[in-house]
Protein backbone atom coordinates (compact mmCIF):
# COMPACT_ATOMS: atom_id res chain seq x y z
CA MET A 1 -22.71 9.83 9.88
CA SER A 2 -21.43 7.25 7.41
CA LYS A 3 -23.74 4.50 6.18
CA VAL A 4 -20.77 2.17 5.68
CA LYS A 5 -18.89 1.66 8.94
CA ILE A 6 -15.12 1.57 9.29
CA LEU A 7 -14.50 -1.14 11.87
CA ASN A 8 -11.80 -1.85 14.47
CA CYS A 9 -10.06 1.46 13.90
CA GLU A 10 -9.16 4.13 16.42
CA PRO A 11 -10.40 7.68 15.74
CA VAL A 12 -8.02 10.03 13.93
CA PRO A 13 -9.52 13.48 14.54
CA ASN A 14 -6.42 15.29 13.23
CA MET A 15 -6.16 13.38 9.96
CA PRO A 16 -5.39 15.40 6.83
CA TRP A 17 -8.41 16.44 4.81
CA GLN A 18 -9.57 18.62 1.93
CA ASP A 19 -13.20 18.81 0.83
CA ARG A 20 -14.37 17.32 -2.42
CA PRO A 21 -14.20 19.79 -5.31
CA ALA A 22 -17.54 20.77 -6.83
CA ASN A 23 -16.49 19.91 -10.38
CA LEU A 24 -15.18 16.39 -9.70
CA MET A 25 -16.09 13.86 -12.39
CA GLY A 26 -15.74 10.08 -12.42
CA ALA A 27 -14.52 8.18 -9.39
CA PRO A 28 -14.95 9.97 -6.03
CA VAL A 29 -11.20 10.28 -5.38
CA TRP A 30 -9.68 13.75 -5.48
CA ARG A 31 -6.10 14.96 -5.25
CA TYR A 32 -4.76 17.30 -2.59
CA SER A 33 -4.47 20.70 -4.23
CA ALA A 34 -0.92 21.22 -2.92
CA ASN A 35 0.47 17.95 -4.27
CA PRO A 36 3.11 16.65 -4.25
CA ILE A 37 3.53 16.68 -0.48
CA ILE A 38 7.14 15.39 -0.69
CA GLY A 39 9.33 16.61 -3.50
CA ARG A 40 12.84 15.93 -4.78
CA ASN A 41 16.01 15.92 -2.65
CA PRO A 42 14.18 15.80 0.70
CA ILE A 43 17.31 15.10 2.77
CA GLU A 44 21.06 14.97 2.19
CA GLY A 45 22.03 11.93 0.14
CA VAL A 46 18.46 11.09 -0.92
CA ALA A 47 17.35 12.16 -4.38
CA ARG A 48 13.72 11.08 -4.21
CA ILE A 49 11.12 9.75 -1.76
CA PHE A 50 8.09 7.88 -3.13
CA ASN A 51 6.05 4.66 -2.70
CA SER A 52 5.90 5.10 1.07
CA ALA A 53 3.56 4.34 3.98
CA VAL A 54 2.31 6.30 6.98
CA ALA A 55 0.29 5.66 10.14
CA PRO A 56 -1.10 7.51 13.17
CA PHE A 57 1.21 7.28 16.18
CA GLU A 58 0.91 8.88 19.63
CA GLY A 59 -1.34 11.70 18.48
CA SER A 60 0.79 12.55 15.46
CA PHE A 61 1.93 10.58 12.42
CA ILE A 62 4.88 8.43 11.51
CA GLY A 63 5.97 6.92 8.22
CA VAL A 64 8.40 4.58 6.52
CA PHE A 65 9.66 6.04 3.28
CA ARG A 66 11.37 4.68 0.21
CA GLY A 67 14.43 6.87 -0.01
CA GLU A 68 16.25 6.54 -3.33
CA GLN A 69 19.81 7.49 -2.45
CA THR A 70 21.96 9.55 -4.78
CA ASN A 71 23.84 6.34 -5.62
CA GLY A 72 20.55 4.84 -6.79
CA ILE A 73 20.18 2.25 -4.01
CA PRO A 74 16.83 2.40 -2.15
CA TYR A 75 16.52 2.09 1.62
CA VAL A 76 13.84 2.71 4.23
CA TYR A 77 13.90 6.02 6.08
CA LEU A 78 11.74 7.13 9.00
CA GLY A 79 9.67 10.33 8.94
CA ARG A 80 7.47 12.16 11.43
CA SER A 81 4.71 14.71 11.01
CA LYS A 82 2.17 16.66 13.05
CA ASP A 83 -0.34 16.94 10.20
CA ALA A 84 0.57 13.97 7.92
CA ILE A 85 1.37 16.45 5.13
CA HIS A 86 4.59 18.19 6.16
CA TRP A 87 7.30 15.68 7.07
CA GLU A 88 10.64 15.67 8.84
CA PHE A 89 12.96 12.76 8.04
CA ASP A 90 15.72 11.03 9.92
CA SER A 91 19.00 11.56 8.12
CA GLU A 92 20.06 7.94 8.61
CA LYS A 93 18.42 4.78 7.32
CA VAL A 94 16.16 2.77 9.64
CA PRO A 95 18.60 0.77 11.84
CA PHE A 96 17.32 -2.79 11.48
CA THR A 97 18.72 -5.45 13.83
CA ASP A 98 18.31 -9.17 14.21
CA GLU A 99 16.54 -10.69 17.22
CA LYS A 100 19.83 -10.64 19.17
CA GLY A 101 20.14 -6.90 18.68
CA GLU A 102 22.96 -7.12 16.16
CA PRO A 103 22.88 -4.89 13.04
CA TYR A 104 21.03 -6.65 10.23
CA MET A 105 20.59 -4.25 7.36
CA PRO A 106 19.07 -5.32 4.04
CA ARG A 107 21.19 -4.95 0.92
CA TYR A 108 18.41 -2.72 -0.40
CA ALA A 109 14.79 -2.08 0.54
CA TYR A 110 11.97 -0.45 -1.36
CA ASP A 111 8.20 0.15 -1.43
CA PRO A 112 7.65 -0.22 2.33
CA ARG A 113 4.27 -0.72 3.93
CA LEU A 114 3.47 -0.03 7.57
CA VAL A 115 0.67 -1.93 9.34
CA LYS A 116 -0.29 -2.12 13.00
CA VAL A 117 -1.57 -5.51 14.19
CA GLU A 118 -2.59 -5.52 17.86
CA ASP A 119 0.22 -3.66 19.68
CA THR A 120 2.96 -4.15 17.08
CA TYR A 121 3.81 -2.22 13.94
CA TYR A 122 5.14 -4.26 11.03
CA ILE A 123 7.27 -2.81 8.25
CA ILE A 124 7.13 -4.84 5.05
CA TRP A 125 9.32 -4.12 2.04
CA CYS A 126 10.87 -5.68 -1.03
CA GLY A 127 14.54 -6.57 -0.62
CA ASP A 128 17.17 -9.06 -1.65
CA PHE A 129 16.83 -12.68 -0.50
CA TYR A 130 18.92 -14.17 -3.31
CA GLY A 131 16.41 -12.46 -5.57
CA ALA A 132 13.62 -9.97 -5.01
CA ALA A 133 11.59 -11.10 -1.99
CA ILE A 134 9.65 -9.82 1.01
CA GLY A 135 11.40 -8.46 4.09
CA VAL A 136 9.64 -7.87 7.41
CA ALA A 137 10.55 -6.08 10.63
CA LYS A 138 8.61 -5.21 13.77
CA THR A 139 8.61 -2.35 16.25
CA THR A 140 6.47 -1.04 19.08
CA ASP A 141 8.22 2.30 19.64
CA PHE A 142 9.91 3.22 16.33
CA LYS A 143 13.25 3.16 18.12
CA LYS A 144 14.05 -0.54 17.92
CA PHE A 145 13.42 -2.32 14.60
CA VAL A 146 13.80 -6.09 14.69
CA ARG A 147 13.85 -8.05 11.45
CA ILE A 148 12.02 -11.36 11.47
CA GLU A 149 12.15 -14.28 9.07
CA ASN A 150 11.41 -13.63 5.40
CA PRO A 151 7.90 -14.99 4.84
CA PHE A 152 8.42 -16.28 1.28
CA ILE A 153 11.16 -17.43 -1.07
CA PRO A 154 11.95 -15.34 -4.18
CA PHE A 155 10.42 -13.98 -6.24
CA ASN A 156 7.75 -11.85 -4.60
CA ARG A 157 6.76 -8.22 -4.16
CA ASN A 158 3.98 -5.91 -2.96
CA ALA A 159 3.30 -7.60 0.37
CA VAL A 160 0.89 -6.02 2.84
CA LEU A 161 -0.61 -7.30 6.09
CA PHE A 162 -4.23 -7.14 7.08
CA PRO A 163 -4.57 -4.96 10.20
CA ARG A 164 -5.97 -7.76 12.35
CA LYS A 165 -5.87 -11.53 12.53
CA ILE A 166 -8.58 -13.39 10.63
CA ASN A 167 -9.76 -16.71 12.06
CA GLY A 168 -6.82 -16.57 14.47
CA ASN A 169 -4.09 -16.10 11.85
CA TYR A 170 -2.06 -13.23 10.48
CA VAL A 171 -2.97 -12.67 6.83
CA MET A 172 -0.75 -11.17 4.14
CA LEU A 173 -1.32 -10.24 0.52
CA SER A 174 1.58 -10.61 -1.90
CA ARG A 175 2.31 -10.71 -5.61
CA PRO A 176 4.51 -13.64 -6.70
CA SER A 177 6.59 -12.71 -9.71
CA ASP A 178 9.59 -13.73 -11.79
CA SER A 179 13.20 -12.60 -11.70
CA GLY A 180 12.64 -9.72 -14.10
CA HIS A 181 10.24 -6.79 -14.02
CA THR A 182 7.26 -9.09 -13.76
CA PRO A 183 5.45 -9.36 -17.09
CA PHE A 184 2.60 -10.98 -15.15
CA GLY A 185 1.21 -10.69 -11.66
CA ASP A 186 -1.67 -11.93 -9.53
CA ILE A 187 -2.52 -11.06 -5.93
CA PHE A 188 -2.36 -14.00 -3.53
CA LEU A 189 -3.15 -14.37 0.15
CA SER A 190 -1.23 -16.35 2.78
CA GLU A 191 -1.82 -17.09 6.48
CA SER A 192 0.46 -17.56 9.46
CA PRO A 193 -0.12 -18.39 13.14
CA ASP A 194 3.08 -16.66 14.23
CA MET A 195 4.49 -14.40 11.43
CA THR A 196 7.13 -17.09 10.78
CA TYR A 197 5.46 -20.04 9.08
CA TRP A 198 3.22 -19.18 6.14
CA GLY A 199 0.72 -21.36 4.31
CA LYS A 200 -2.93 -21.72 3.29
CA HIS A 201 -2.07 -19.80 0.13
CA ARG A 202 -5.10 -18.57 -1.80
CA HIS A 203 -5.54 -16.75 -5.09
CA VAL A 204 -7.34 -13.41 -4.75
CA MET A 205 -7.31 -11.56 -8.09
CA SER A 206 -5.67 -11.70 -11.51
CA PRO A 207 -5.14 -9.04 -14.17
CA ASN A 208 -8.18 -8.89 -16.39
CA GLY A 209 -9.40 -7.61 -19.73
CA LYS A 210 -9.72 -4.04 -18.51
CA TRP A 211 -6.75 -2.37 -20.16
CA TRP A 212 -5.71 -0.31 -17.16
CA GLN A 213 -5.02 -3.54 -15.20
CA SER A 214 -4.37 -5.98 -18.01
CA VAL A 215 -0.63 -6.64 -17.47
CA LYS A 216 -0.31 -7.10 -13.71
CA ILE A 217 -1.81 -6.03 -10.40
CA GLY A 218 -0.47 -5.79 -6.87
CA GLY A 219 -1.53 -4.97 -3.33
CA GLY A 220 -1.34 -1.36 -2.23
CA ALA A 221 -2.54 0.07 1.05
CA ALA A 222 -3.41 -2.19 3.98
CA PRO A 223 -7.04 -3.32 3.62
CA ILE A 224 -9.58 -1.26 5.57
CA GLU A 225 -12.12 -3.29 7.55
CA THR A 226 -15.66 -2.08 6.87
CA SER A 227 -19.22 -3.27 7.33
CA GLU A 228 -19.22 -4.18 3.60
CA GLY A 229 -15.97 -6.16 3.72
CA TRP A 230 -12.28 -5.37 3.36
CA LEU A 231 -11.73 -2.28 1.21
CA LEU A 232 -8.57 -2.73 -0.85
CA PHE A 233 -6.79 -0.06 -2.86
CA TYR A 234 -4.42 -1.78 -5.28
CA HIS A 235 -2.42 -0.92 -8.37
CA GLY A 236 -3.11 -2.08 -11.90
CA VAL A 237 -0.69 -1.87 -14.81
CA SER A 238 -1.23 -1.46 -18.53
CA SER A 239 1.36 -1.64 -21.29
CA THR A 240 1.62 1.08 -23.91
CA CYS A 241 4.00 1.92 -26.75
CA ASN A 242 5.67 4.26 -24.25
CA GLY A 243 5.97 1.75 -21.38
CA PHE A 244 3.91 0.73 -18.36
CA VAL A 245 1.19 2.87 -16.79
CA TYR A 246 0.35 2.33 -13.10
CA SER A 247 -3.16 3.26 -11.93
CA ILE A 248 -5.06 2.85 -8.66
CA GLY A 249 -8.01 0.46 -8.43
CA GLY A 250 -10.43 -0.64 -5.74
CA ALA A 251 -12.04 -3.87 -4.59
CA ILE A 252 -13.99 -5.19 -1.61
CA LEU A 253 -13.04 -8.59 -0.17
CA ASP A 254 -15.16 -10.90 1.94
CA ILE A 255 -14.69 -10.15 5.64
CA ASN A 256 -14.11 -13.76 6.72
CA GLU A 257 -12.79 -15.24 3.43
CA PRO A 258 -10.72 -12.37 2.04
CA SER A 259 -9.51 -14.46 -0.91
CA ARG A 260 -13.06 -14.08 -2.23
CA VAL A 261 -13.70 -10.79 -4.05
CA LYS A 262 -17.20 -9.41 -3.52
CA TYR A 263 -16.84 -6.31 -5.70
CA ARG A 264 -14.11 -5.15 -8.06
CA CYS A 265 -14.33 -1.79 -9.77
CA GLU A 266 -13.96 -2.11 -13.54
CA ASP A 267 -12.72 1.50 -13.76
CA HIS A 268 -9.55 2.87 -12.28
CA LEU A 269 -10.06 5.21 -9.33
CA LEU A 270 -7.05 7.41 -10.13
CA THR A 271 -4.67 7.30 -13.07
CA PRO A 272 -1.63 9.46 -13.92
CA GLU A 273 -2.84 12.80 -15.22
CA GLU A 274 -1.08 15.56 -13.29
CA PRO A 275 2.46 16.66 -14.25
CA TYR A 276 4.01 15.14 -11.10
CA GLU A 277 2.38 11.76 -11.96
CA VAL A 278 3.05 11.79 -15.70
CA SER A 279 6.62 13.13 -15.64
CA GLY A 280 9.44 11.89 -13.45
CA PHE A 281 12.10 9.23 -12.97
CA VAL A 282 9.57 6.57 -14.09
CA PRO A 283 6.74 8.34 -15.95
CA ASN A 284 3.04 7.55 -15.61
CA VAL A 285 2.90 6.00 -12.14
CA ALA A 286 0.28 6.33 -9.40
CA PHE A 287 1.21 3.69 -6.80
CA PRO A 288 -0.89 3.39 -3.60
CA CYS A 289 0.87 2.39 -0.37
CA ALA A 290 -1.13 3.62 2.63
CA THR A 291 -4.29 5.18 3.97
CA ILE A 292 -5.22 7.12 7.07
CA HIS A 293 -8.90 6.74 7.87
CA ASP A 294 -11.23 7.99 10.58
CA PRO A 295 -14.23 5.86 11.62
CA GLY A 296 -16.23 8.80 12.96
CA THR A 297 -16.28 10.88 9.80
CA GLY A 298 -15.64 8.12 7.26
CA ARG A 299 -12.83 10.16 5.75
CA ILE A 300 -9.96 8.41 3.97
CA ALA A 301 -6.60 9.93 2.99
CA LEU A 302 -4.75 7.88 0.38
CA TYR A 303 -0.96 8.15 -0.02
CA TYR A 304 0.56 7.19 -3.33
CA GLY A 305 3.88 7.35 -5.13
CA CYS A 306 4.05 9.58 -8.20
CA ALA A 307 6.31 8.76 -11.16
CA ASP A 308 8.89 7.16 -8.82
CA THR A 309 9.80 10.71 -7.87
CA CYS A 310 7.53 12.14 -5.17
CA VAL A 311 4.56 11.46 -2.87
CA GLY A 312 0.97 12.46 -3.59
CA LEU A 313 -2.09 12.59 -1.37
CA ALA A 314 -5.71 12.00 -2.37
CA PHE A 315 -9.01 11.85 -0.51
CA THR A 316 -12.32 10.04 -0.51
CA THR A 317 -15.01 8.96 1.94
CA ILE A 318 -16.00 5.45 2.87
CA ASP A 319 -19.58 5.92 1.65
CA ASP A 320 -18.55 7.43 -1.68
CA ILE A 321 -15.86 4.90 -2.53
CA VAL A 322 -17.82 1.81 -1.50
CA GLU A 323 -20.89 2.97 -3.42
CA TYR A 324 -18.78 3.65 -6.52
CA ILE A 325 -16.99 0.29 -6.41
CA LYS A 326 -20.27 -1.57 -5.99
CA ALA A 327 -22.01 0.41 -8.74
CA HIS A 328 -19.14 -0.20 -11.18
CA SER A 329 -18.23 -3.73 -10.14
CA GLU A 330 -17.34 -6.44 -12.61
CA THR A 331 -16.03 -9.76 -11.30
CA ASP A 332 -15.36 -13.16 -12.81
CA GLY A 333 -15.12 -16.68 -11.46
CA THR A 334 -11.47 -16.38 -10.43
CA ASP A 335 -12.40 -13.35 -8.33
CA THR A 336 -15.40 -14.74 -6.50
CA GLU A 337 -14.12 -18.25 -5.77
CA VAL A 338 -12.25 -18.94 -2.53
CA GLY A 339 -9.01 -19.28 -4.51
CA ARG A 340 -8.08 -22.84 -3.65
CA ARG A 341 -7.59 -25.49 -6.34
């Protein structure tokens, strides 16, 4: 029985799992031994799937996947799985419509997240809104996908919803940026009463002096509600003579004021080391996008993109990861303040 409780989450008895290896050192996050779980050329016309999100659905699993087409343009594809490891993909892109039911496809769409809030699933991605910006669609059955208003003006990326309303409002993390490849980046939080009008913007975290997250950071998987606060897996980026390196970090946010960081791990939890993370279309990338977690066992499966080429899977437990983040926490004033100036 876990000491730290995962809250407001339905049981997932069939979630993927592999026990912790006996020789694990450092952070208590371990890779699936059969990684990558999705390799190159997964379906006709798609060269690579990576940076994708999954969720339990009707006793099985469903996912929204960044499919990099053979012409280089990314779109969102739907996938289904019985075990959340072996996936079957629709051959056509997700058919987004407007609220009148008319086709309303984005010019491109990448790095999707998938979050259930109450009885609705929201797909959030980065697309074109006269510049890189956040796109959102909703579905209840994964048959009809209705796009709703873009929450923010350009330029913005890495948006992810919290899985429940906080103080009566929807809450979304995002990473405002510039028109290029973002030589800076802080995580911010915004609120909405209706998923249309967004405000009450708050600063959450900035890059810091730790080299692995010194250039920019961005939201990853949807925060997990726990008895210690919101557990957030995010990405941190360093700059080297050979380009950027993307690693996975962890933090715990205040349950009622999630712009306030309670604990922030000074070490990365997982960094590119394996061949499928180090070598690929964009080398040295481990990019978290989703978790599946079971409140009964405290098990967490973490899905992450590898080198912009394939999908990896890693595991931890709620007790292990919370204890590690707390034991290795280092915060500053911009972390622990509410984020309003």
